[in-house]
Protein backbone atom coordinates (compact mmCIF):
# COMPACT_ATOMS: atom_id res chain seq x y z
CA UNK A 1 -130.78 9.88 -114.63
CA UNK A 2 -133.12 8.80 -117.44
CA UNK A 3 -136.04 10.70 -115.88
CA UNK A 4 -133.93 13.84 -115.47
CA UNK A 5 -132.88 13.56 -119.11
CA UNK A 6 -136.51 13.28 -120.21
CA UNK A 7 -137.59 16.22 -118.05
CA UNK A 8 -134.55 18.37 -118.82
CA UNK A 9 -131.58 19.07 -116.58
CA UNK A 10 -133.17 22.30 -115.36
CA UNK A 11 -136.29 20.55 -114.02
CA UNK A 12 -136.62 20.57 -110.23
CA UNK A 13 -140.08 19.00 -109.90
CA UNK A 14 -142.05 16.18 -111.45
CA UNK A 15 -144.48 17.09 -114.26
CA UNK A 16 -148.07 17.40 -113.09
CA UNK A 17 -149.66 15.18 -115.78
CA UNK A 18 -148.69 12.83 -118.58
CA UNK A 19 -147.19 9.36 -118.88
CA UNK A 20 -144.10 10.04 -116.73
CA UNK A 21 -146.32 10.53 -113.67
CA UNK A 22 -147.93 7.07 -113.86
CA UNK A 23 -147.09 4.54 -111.17
CA UNK A 24 -148.51 1.02 -110.77
CA UNK A 25 -152.28 1.26 -110.10
CA UNK A 26 -153.10 -0.25 -106.72
CA UNK A 27 -156.85 0.23 -106.32
CA UNK A 28 -157.94 -2.95 -108.11
CA UNK A 29 -155.68 -5.17 -106.02
CA UNK A 30 -156.91 -3.30 -102.95
CA UNK A 31 -160.52 -4.17 -103.79
CA UNK A 32 -159.70 -7.84 -104.16
CA UNK A 33 -157.66 -7.92 -100.96
CA UNK A 34 -160.50 -6.34 -99.00
CA UNK A 35 -162.93 -8.83 -100.53
CA UNK A 36 -160.64 -11.78 -99.79
CA UNK A 37 -160.41 -10.87 -96.12
CA UNK A 38 -163.83 -9.39 -95.37
CA UNK A 39 -166.18 -9.99 -98.32
CA UNK A 40 -169.33 -12.09 -98.18
CA UNK A 41 -170.94 -11.73 -101.61
CA UNK A 42 -169.45 -13.00 -104.90
CA UNK A 43 -167.31 -10.34 -106.55
CA UNK A 44 -169.44 -10.51 -109.70
CA UNK A 45 -172.49 -9.50 -107.64
CA UNK A 46 -170.61 -6.49 -106.28
CA UNK A 47 -169.64 -5.35 -109.77
CA UNK A 48 -173.18 -5.67 -111.16
CA UNK A 49 -174.49 -2.28 -109.96
CA UNK A 50 -171.49 -0.30 -111.20
CA UNK A 51 -171.62 -2.09 -114.55
CA UNK A 52 -175.29 -1.13 -114.80
CA UNK A 53 -174.69 2.53 -113.95
CA UNK A 54 -171.66 2.82 -116.22
CA UNK A 55 -173.62 1.40 -119.15
CA UNK A 56 -177.03 3.02 -118.55
CA UNK A 57 -175.66 6.27 -117.17
CA UNK A 58 -176.06 8.51 -114.13
CA UNK A 59 -177.09 12.18 -113.80
CA UNK A 60 -174.08 14.49 -113.51
CA UNK A 61 -173.99 16.21 -110.10
CA UNK A 62 -173.86 20.00 -110.00
CA UNK A 63 -170.44 20.66 -108.48
CA UNK A 64 -168.77 17.86 -110.44
CA UNK A 65 -170.29 19.22 -113.67
CA UNK A 66 -168.78 22.65 -113.06
CA UNK A 67 -165.33 21.28 -112.25
CA UNK A 68 -165.50 18.83 -115.18
CA UNK A 69 -166.08 21.68 -117.62
CA UNK A 70 -163.45 23.95 -116.04
CA UNK A 71 -160.69 21.35 -115.90
CA UNK A 72 -161.20 19.84 -119.35
CA UNK A 73 -161.26 23.32 -120.91
CA UNK A 74 -157.72 23.85 -119.59
CA UNK A 75 -156.28 20.55 -120.85
CA UNK A 76 -155.72 21.33 -124.56
CA UNK A 77 -152.31 22.85 -125.09
CA UNK A 78 -150.65 21.19 -122.09
CA UNK A 79 -147.49 19.68 -123.64
CA UNK A 80 -147.50 16.54 -121.47
CA UNK A 81 -150.99 15.66 -122.76
CA UNK A 82 -150.03 15.81 -126.43
CA UNK A 83 -151.41 12.74 -128.18
CA UNK A 84 -153.46 11.64 -125.16
CA UNK A 85 -156.57 13.74 -125.63
CA UNK A 86 -158.34 11.85 -128.45
CA UNK A 87 -158.82 8.76 -126.26
CA UNK A 88 -159.52 10.93 -123.22
CA UNK A 89 -162.10 13.05 -125.03
CA UNK A 90 -163.89 10.00 -126.40
CA UNK A 91 -164.61 8.91 -122.83
CA UNK A 92 -164.95 12.13 -120.85
CA UNK A 93 -166.19 14.65 -123.43
CA UNK A 94 -169.08 12.87 -125.18
CA UNK A 95 -170.33 15.04 -128.00
CA UNK A 96 -167.24 17.23 -127.65
CA UNK A 97 -168.05 18.78 -124.26
CA UNK A 98 -168.32 18.05 -120.56
CA UNK A 99 -171.76 16.82 -119.47
CA UNK A 100 -173.95 19.53 -117.98
CA UNK A 101 -175.60 19.43 -114.56
CA UNK A 102 -178.29 16.73 -114.54
CA UNK A 103 -177.26 15.36 -117.94
CA UNK A 104 -176.92 11.57 -118.13
CA UNK A 105 -173.29 10.49 -118.47
CA UNK A 106 -172.63 7.01 -119.82
CA UNK A 107 -169.32 5.20 -119.96
CA UNK A 108 -169.81 1.93 -121.87
CA UNK A 109 -166.05 1.33 -122.09
CA UNK A 110 -165.84 1.35 -118.29
CA UNK A 111 -168.80 -1.06 -118.12
CA UNK A 112 -166.96 -3.41 -120.50
CA UNK A 113 -163.81 -3.15 -118.37
CA UNK A 114 -165.70 -3.98 -115.18
CA UNK A 115 -167.34 -6.97 -116.86
CA UNK A 116 -163.92 -8.32 -117.85
CA UNK A 117 -162.60 -7.63 -114.35
CA UNK A 118 -165.56 -9.42 -112.75
CA UNK A 119 -164.90 -12.43 -114.98
CA UNK A 120 -161.10 -12.49 -114.83
CA UNK A 121 -160.42 -11.16 -111.33
CA UNK A 122 -157.29 -9.25 -110.39
CA UNK A 123 -155.32 -11.45 -112.80
CA UNK A 124 -157.08 -9.78 -115.73
CA UNK A 125 -155.78 -6.41 -114.56
CA UNK A 126 -152.26 -7.33 -113.43
CA UNK A 127 -151.29 -10.26 -115.67
CA UNK A 128 -153.89 -10.69 -118.38
CA UNK A 129 -155.45 -8.77 -121.25
CA UNK A 130 -156.10 -5.72 -119.09
CA UNK A 131 -152.45 -5.51 -118.11
CA UNK A 132 -151.36 -5.83 -121.73
CA UNK A 133 -153.69 -3.01 -122.79
CA UNK A 134 -152.39 -0.72 -120.03
CA UNK A 135 -148.73 -1.44 -120.80
CA UNK A 136 -149.28 -0.93 -124.54
CA UNK A 137 -151.09 2.39 -124.03
CA UNK A 138 -148.39 3.72 -121.69
CA UNK A 139 -145.62 2.63 -124.07
CA UNK A 140 -147.33 4.33 -127.03
CA UNK A 141 -147.30 7.56 -124.97
CA UNK A 142 -143.54 7.16 -124.29
CA UNK A 143 -144.16 6.25 -120.66
CA UNK A 144 -142.45 3.59 -118.59
CA UNK A 145 -144.61 0.80 -117.16
CA UNK A 146 -143.63 -2.79 -117.81
CA UNK A 147 -145.55 -6.07 -117.57
CA UNK A 148 -143.27 -7.00 -114.67
CA UNK A 149 -144.24 -3.81 -112.83
CA UNK A 150 -147.90 -4.79 -112.91
CA UNK A 151 -147.38 -8.50 -112.34
CA UNK A 152 -145.22 -7.98 -109.24
CA UNK A 153 -147.62 -5.57 -107.53
CA UNK A 154 -149.09 -6.67 -104.20
CA UNK A 155 -151.13 -4.64 -101.76
CA UNK A 156 -149.59 -4.25 -98.32
CA UNK A 157 -151.54 -4.80 -95.12
CA UNK A 158 -150.20 -2.32 -92.58
CA UNK A 159 -150.91 -1.52 -88.96
CA UNK A 160 -152.50 1.91 -88.54
CA UNK A 161 -150.63 4.41 -86.39
CA UNK A 162 -152.33 6.45 -83.71
CA UNK A 163 -152.06 9.12 -81.07
CA UNK A 164 -154.39 9.77 -78.16
CA UNK A 165 -156.01 13.20 -78.36
CA UNK A 166 -157.78 14.18 -75.14
CA UNK A 167 -158.90 10.60 -74.48
CA UNK A 168 -159.71 9.64 -78.08
CA UNK A 169 -157.46 7.27 -80.06
CA UNK A 170 -157.11 8.72 -83.57
CA UNK A 171 -155.90 6.29 -86.25
CA UNK A 172 -154.30 7.08 -89.61
CA UNK A 173 -152.36 4.98 -92.11
CA UNK A 174 -148.56 5.28 -91.91
CA UNK A 175 -146.39 6.71 -94.72
CA UNK A 176 -146.00 6.69 -97.67
CA UNK A 177 -149.19 8.69 -97.04
CA UNK A 178 -149.58 11.96 -95.17
CA UNK A 179 -151.95 10.79 -92.42
CA UNK A 180 -149.44 11.25 -89.64
CA UNK A 181 -149.46 15.00 -90.37
CA UNK A 182 -152.95 15.10 -88.84
CA UNK A 183 -151.64 13.18 -85.83
CA UNK A 184 -148.69 15.55 -85.48
CA UNK A 185 -151.05 18.52 -85.58
CA UNK A 186 -153.26 16.99 -82.88
CA UNK A 187 -150.23 16.25 -80.68
CA UNK A 188 -149.16 19.88 -80.91
CA UNK A 189 -152.68 21.23 -80.38
CA UNK A 190 -153.13 19.09 -77.26
CA UNK A 191 -150.67 21.41 -75.55
CA UNK A 192 -153.12 24.34 -75.86
CA UNK A 193 -156.49 24.90 -74.20
CA UNK A 194 -158.49 25.33 -77.40
CA UNK A 195 -161.88 25.14 -75.68
CA UNK A 196 -160.95 28.09 -73.45
CA UNK A 197 -159.81 30.07 -76.49
CA UNK A 198 -163.08 29.51 -78.37
CA UNK A 199 -163.78 29.67 -82.10
CA UNK A 200 -164.33 33.45 -82.03
CA UNK A 201 -160.81 34.06 -80.72
CA UNK A 202 -158.02 34.67 -83.24
CA UNK A 203 -155.61 32.79 -80.94
CA UNK A 204 -157.39 29.52 -81.77
CA UNK A 205 -156.96 29.98 -85.50
CA UNK A 206 -153.38 31.19 -85.09
CA UNK A 207 -152.42 28.10 -83.07
CA UNK A 208 -154.04 25.71 -85.56
CA UNK A 209 -152.40 27.40 -88.55
CA UNK A 210 -148.98 27.35 -86.89
CA UNK A 211 -149.41 23.68 -85.88
CA UNK A 212 -150.19 22.94 -89.52
CA UNK A 213 -147.01 24.69 -90.66
CA UNK A 214 -144.91 22.71 -88.21
CA UNK A 215 -146.41 19.33 -89.15
CA UNK A 216 -146.17 20.02 -92.89
CA UNK A 217 -142.49 20.90 -92.70
CA UNK A 218 -141.88 17.43 -91.30
CA UNK A 219 -144.21 16.07 -93.97
CA UNK A 220 -142.03 17.78 -96.52
CA UNK A 221 -138.75 16.47 -95.26
CA UNK A 222 -139.45 13.01 -93.90
CA UNK A 223 -142.61 11.39 -95.32
CA UNK A 224 -141.82 8.77 -97.95
CA UNK A 225 -141.93 5.07 -98.73
CA UNK A 226 -141.31 3.61 -95.25
CA UNK A 227 -138.36 1.61 -96.59
CA UNK A 228 -136.60 4.92 -97.27
CA UNK A 229 -137.64 7.12 -94.32
CA UNK A 230 -134.78 8.59 -92.29
CA UNK A 231 -136.95 9.63 -89.31
CA UNK A 232 -138.97 6.89 -87.58
CA UNK A 233 -142.73 7.43 -87.45
CA UNK A 234 -142.62 6.76 -83.71
CA UNK A 235 -140.26 9.71 -83.21
CA UNK A 236 -142.45 12.04 -85.28
CA UNK A 237 -145.52 11.04 -83.25
CA UNK A 238 -143.99 11.21 -79.80
CA UNK A 239 -145.57 13.58 -77.28
CA UNK A 240 -142.12 14.90 -76.31
CA UNK A 241 -141.37 15.85 -79.90
CA UNK A 242 -144.77 17.55 -80.20
CA UNK A 243 -144.11 19.53 -77.03
CA UNK A 244 -140.79 20.76 -78.40
CA UNK A 245 -142.40 21.72 -81.70
CA UNK A 246 -145.26 23.45 -79.91
CA UNK A 247 -142.82 25.70 -78.09
CA UNK A 248 -141.88 27.17 -81.46
CA UNK A 249 -145.33 28.77 -81.73
CA UNK A 250 -145.16 32.47 -80.87
CA UNK A 251 -148.62 33.79 -80.05
CA UNK A 252 -147.66 37.27 -81.24
CA UNK A 253 -146.03 36.40 -84.58
CA UNK A 254 -146.79 34.05 -87.48
CA UNK A 255 -143.86 31.89 -88.53
CA UNK A 256 -142.51 32.81 -91.95
CA UNK A 257 -140.10 29.89 -92.20
CA UNK A 258 -139.31 26.72 -90.28
CA UNK A 259 -136.35 24.40 -90.24
CA UNK A 260 -137.11 21.39 -92.45
CA UNK A 261 -138.83 21.19 -95.81
CA UNK A 262 -139.85 19.80 -99.18
CA UNK A 263 -143.08 18.28 -100.49
CA UNK A 264 -146.83 19.12 -101.11
CA UNK A 265 -149.56 18.12 -103.53
CA UNK A 266 -152.29 20.70 -103.79
CA UNK A 267 -155.06 19.20 -105.90
CA UNK A 268 -156.98 15.95 -105.89
CA UNK A 269 -159.42 13.77 -107.81
CA UNK A 270 -160.48 11.75 -104.81
CA UNK A 271 -163.48 9.94 -103.37
CA UNK A 272 -164.02 9.19 -99.70
CA UNK A 273 -166.46 6.57 -98.39
CA UNK A 274 -167.46 5.67 -94.84
CA UNK A 275 -169.80 2.74 -94.29
CA UNK A 276 -171.09 0.72 -91.34
CA UNK A 277 -173.35 -2.31 -90.94
CA UNK A 278 -175.64 -3.88 -88.37
CA UNK A 279 -172.86 -6.21 -87.17
CA UNK A 280 -170.74 -3.27 -86.04
CA UNK A 281 -168.30 -3.37 -88.96
CA UNK A 282 -167.14 0.14 -89.91
CA UNK A 283 -164.97 1.01 -92.91
CA UNK A 284 -163.09 4.20 -93.70
CA UNK A 285 -161.98 4.10 -97.36
CA UNK A 286 -160.40 6.55 -99.75
CA UNK A 287 -158.96 6.30 -103.27
CA UNK A 288 -157.73 8.84 -105.74
CA UNK A 289 -156.24 9.55 -109.15
CA UNK A 290 -154.15 12.34 -107.50
CA UNK A 291 -154.80 15.23 -109.91
CA UNK A 292 -158.03 16.00 -111.75
CA UNK A 293 -158.41 13.12 -114.27
CA UNK A 294 -155.06 11.74 -113.08
CA UNK A 295 -152.33 11.49 -115.69
CA UNK A 296 -154.79 12.18 -118.53
CA UNK A 297 -153.86 8.86 -120.14
CA UNK A 298 -156.88 6.62 -120.84
CA UNK A 299 -155.84 3.06 -121.82
CA UNK A 300 -157.51 2.27 -125.10
CA UNK A 301 -161.05 0.99 -124.70
CA UNK A 302 -160.99 0.82 -120.89
CA UNK A 303 -162.97 3.90 -119.89
CA UNK A 304 -160.76 5.27 -117.08
CA UNK A 305 -157.67 7.46 -116.71
CA UNK A 306 -154.54 6.16 -115.03
CA UNK A 307 -153.46 8.03 -111.91
CA UNK A 308 -150.54 10.47 -111.71
CA UNK A 309 -149.29 9.54 -108.24
CA UNK A 310 -145.72 9.96 -109.50
CA UNK A 311 -146.13 13.69 -108.89
CA UNK A 312 -145.48 12.88 -105.25
CA UNK A 313 -141.81 12.10 -105.92
CA UNK A 314 -139.07 14.65 -105.29
CA UNK A 315 -136.21 14.96 -107.78
CA UNK A 316 -133.54 15.58 -105.13
CA UNK A 317 -131.34 12.49 -105.15
CA UNK A 318 -130.69 12.51 -101.39
CA UNK A 319 -134.32 13.13 -100.38
CA UNK A 320 -136.12 10.19 -98.67
CA UNK A 321 -138.89 10.67 -101.23
CA UNK A 322 -136.52 10.93 -104.19
CA UNK A 323 -137.63 9.27 -107.43
CA UNK A 324 -136.43 5.66 -107.79
CA UNK A 325 -137.61 2.45 -109.50
CA UNK A 326 -139.66 0.07 -107.40
CA UNK A 327 -140.42 2.79 -104.87
CA UNK A 328 -143.75 4.14 -103.70
CA UNK A 329 -144.15 7.93 -103.94
CA UNK A 330 -145.41 10.11 -101.14
CA UNK A 331 -149.17 10.40 -101.57
CA UNK A 332 -151.99 12.35 -99.98
CA UNK A 333 -154.98 10.02 -99.55
CA UNK A 334 -155.77 9.30 -95.90
CA UNK A 335 -158.81 7.56 -94.42
CA UNK A 336 -159.20 8.08 -90.67
CA UNK A 337 -160.76 6.29 -87.73
CA UNK A 338 -161.29 7.12 -84.05
CA UNK A 339 -161.86 4.87 -81.04
CA UNK A 340 -162.98 5.81 -77.56
CA UNK A 341 -162.22 3.55 -74.59
CA UNK A 342 -161.18 0.77 -76.95
CA UNK A 343 -164.45 0.77 -78.94
CA UNK A 344 -165.19 2.11 -82.45
CA UNK A 345 -166.49 5.69 -82.41
CA UNK A 346 -165.92 7.41 -85.76
CA UNK A 347 -165.06 6.54 -89.37
CA UNK A 348 -164.35 9.72 -91.31
CA UNK A 349 -162.32 11.35 -94.02
CA UNK A 350 -161.89 14.61 -95.87
CA UNK A 351 -160.86 14.74 -99.53
CA UNK A 352 -158.70 17.47 -100.99
CA UNK A 353 -154.97 16.86 -101.47
CA UNK A 354 -152.91 18.87 -98.98
CA UNK A 355 -156.12 20.01 -97.25
CA UNK A 356 -156.69 16.55 -95.83
CA UNK A 357 -154.55 16.44 -92.65
CA UNK A 358 -155.37 20.01 -91.66
CA UNK A 359 -159.03 19.22 -92.35
CA UNK A 360 -158.90 16.06 -90.22
CA UNK A 361 -157.47 18.06 -87.32
CA UNK A 362 -160.10 20.79 -87.65
CA UNK A 363 -162.96 18.27 -87.72
CA UNK A 364 -161.69 16.52 -84.58
CA UNK A 365 -161.17 19.81 -82.75
CA UNK A 366 -164.78 20.69 -83.58
CA UNK A 367 -166.04 17.32 -82.31
CA UNK A 368 -163.82 16.82 -79.27
CA UNK A 369 -162.92 20.31 -78.06
CA UNK A 370 -166.12 22.11 -78.99
CA UNK A 371 -168.67 19.30 -78.70
CA UNK A 372 -170.25 19.86 -82.11
CA UNK A 373 -172.50 17.21 -83.60
CA UNK A 374 -171.29 15.23 -86.59
CA UNK A 375 -172.84 17.44 -89.29
CA UNK A 376 -172.04 20.75 -87.59
CA UNK A 377 -168.38 19.71 -87.24
CA UNK A 378 -168.18 19.50 -91.04
CA UNK A 379 -170.30 22.56 -91.79
CA UNK A 380 -168.28 24.88 -89.54
CA UNK A 381 -165.96 27.33 -91.31
CA UNK A 382 -162.44 26.05 -92.02
CA UNK A 383 -159.07 27.46 -92.96
CA UNK A 384 -156.82 26.08 -95.69
CA UNK A 385 -153.15 27.01 -95.31
CA UNK A 386 -151.01 26.63 -98.42
CA UNK A 387 -147.42 27.49 -99.28
CA UNK A 388 -145.58 25.05 -97.03
CA UNK A 389 -142.24 23.86 -98.37
CA UNK A 390 -142.29 21.72 -101.50
CA UNK A 391 -140.07 20.20 -104.19
CA UNK A 392 -137.55 22.82 -105.27
CA UNK A 393 -138.61 25.46 -102.73
CA UNK A 394 -138.67 26.25 -99.03
CA UNK A 395 -141.33 28.34 -97.31
CA UNK A 396 -139.91 31.77 -96.50
CA UNK A 397 -143.03 33.97 -96.44
CA UNK A 398 -145.33 32.03 -94.12
CA UNK A 399 -147.58 30.92 -96.98
CA UNK A 400 -151.19 32.09 -97.22
CA UNK A 401 -154.38 31.24 -95.38
CA UNK A 402 -157.70 30.87 -97.15
CA UNK A 403 -160.50 31.60 -94.70
CA UNK A 404 -164.18 30.80 -95.16
CA UNK A 405 -166.82 33.47 -94.59
CA UNK A 406 -168.01 32.01 -91.27
CA UNK A 407 -164.92 33.46 -89.56
CA UNK A 408 -165.43 37.03 -88.37
CA UNK A 409 -163.73 40.11 -89.75
CA UNK A 410 -162.33 40.83 -86.28
CA UNK A 411 -160.56 37.46 -86.23
CA UNK A 412 -159.23 38.02 -89.74
CA UNK A 413 -157.84 41.43 -88.82
CA UNK A 414 -156.11 40.05 -85.72
CA UNK A 415 -154.56 37.21 -87.74
CA UNK A 416 -153.27 39.73 -90.24
CA UNK A 417 -151.86 41.83 -87.41
CA UNK A 418 -149.67 38.95 -86.21
CA UNK A 419 -148.40 38.32 -89.73
CA UNK A 420 -150.70 35.86 -91.51
CA UNK A 421 -151.53 36.54 -95.15
CA UNK A 422 -155.29 36.05 -95.22
CA UNK A 423 -157.52 35.64 -98.25
CA UNK A 424 -161.29 35.22 -98.08
CA UNK A 425 -162.19 31.99 -99.81
CA UNK A 426 -164.42 32.17 -102.86
CA UNK A 427 -165.00 28.56 -103.79
CA UNK A 428 -161.43 27.51 -103.03
CA UNK A 429 -160.93 23.94 -101.83
CA UNK A 430 -161.66 23.28 -98.16
CA UNK A 431 -162.01 19.53 -98.51
CA UNK A 432 -164.87 17.07 -98.86
CA UNK A 433 -165.96 15.54 -95.54
CA UNK A 434 -167.95 12.36 -94.88
CA UNK A 435 -168.39 10.55 -91.57
CA UNK A 436 -170.26 7.89 -89.62
CA UNK A 437 -170.34 7.96 -85.81
CA UNK A 438 -171.38 5.05 -83.60
CA UNK A 439 -173.13 5.67 -80.29
CA UNK A 440 -171.19 3.40 -77.96
CA UNK A 441 -174.16 2.84 -75.63
CA UNK A 442 -176.98 2.23 -78.09
CA UNK A 443 -175.13 1.21 -81.26
CA UNK A 444 -177.07 3.86 -83.20
CA UNK A 445 -175.22 5.15 -86.28
CA UNK A 446 -175.19 8.81 -87.33
CA UNK A 447 -174.02 9.97 -90.77
CA UNK A 448 -172.82 13.34 -92.01
CA UNK A 449 -171.97 14.64 -95.45
CA UNK A 450 -170.11 17.60 -96.92
CA UNK A 451 -172.20 20.64 -97.80
CA UNK A 452 -169.38 21.87 -100.07
CA UNK A 453 -169.49 18.79 -102.34
CA UNK A 454 -171.91 16.46 -104.12
CA UNK A 455 -171.91 14.03 -101.19
CA UNK A 456 -174.67 12.06 -99.50
CA UNK A 457 -175.45 10.35 -96.21
CA UNK A 458 -177.84 7.40 -96.47
CA UNK A 459 -179.16 4.76 -94.11
CA UNK A 460 -181.23 1.71 -94.99
């Protein structure tokens, strides 16, 4: 009720930025939990390189520089950011502008924060001086984050969920994330002979787009904090359910609407990291502020913006993902992992908000159905379907499909003929892919990186 009063009775969705979108930051506790269970080096040693680079600076990558300038130029005048920009600009617009490509960007406030964190541990962030600074900054912006909220936060170790796709066990994290949407897509696609269709056949693209629509309608209606979900994950991932959903695909017509609905996040400010070592340990890791520069609120003197994961809440009271205190919002970030015959095969991920599950499915189809190598599977042209149901609206027009230039005009025309609204992508988001594959016979590791982003693949 208080949130609805603050937003206005007419509001049907969460704001996209500002203090009301801030939820308890979980990344720091996640780092310490990972270190507690798997770490070997002292935490202070692990922080030393990032402290060095934050203080001494790093060259600004080309794509990030362009987005940095574009996004920050749009921030002035956004009502929810009123009063937040002076602290934000001091950190992210040194000299009054975004750093240019190749220009050294320094963030001494972030270096100071990491030094305090290395000394004080997670307690500094969740109970100590860091927590007090965060709470004070949020309160000054008329947000709602209490000392008790931070102090009570604990990361949750969960069991990944999986489906078997043509002999490969694909693992994603369970809700409150969207990873099972990729698994639902794969379950549906398994009912079609994609290899026989081929990538130059419009039927392949039609089936994948329609499978995405079906999975995302369930994503809209059911995905939420697992304590509040009304549909069990096991039911959503069952092969029988996928077969029933797959029968809804009409090869001659694109679906304009589907029963179910309500919930997407389109943008992201996300990093994905895959790493592997000589002992056979492989890690698939992702973290994100949600939107570009998160909430826009930079706690005084700390050098980073708080996330805006609260945008994942729905305002419908009876929705499983409805806004409530002490509840985790639906979120988009999803690391992925694949095993073959019980052994590790692939750690991979693909950044990009709502693009992520449909990107995961496309990468795996490229690898498994079409036998592409690790880099080619990421370089191949992708689609990005948007317009699935979301807070305050239900898809009634089939959405739109952004297609990259590697897909032929003949395929595009056939997709349009069956009812898809196609747009040729011109720099629109198709995700940011990174992966490491392990040869199960030799143990040799292969890396791949996204040609669309400022990524890298490195071995040493």
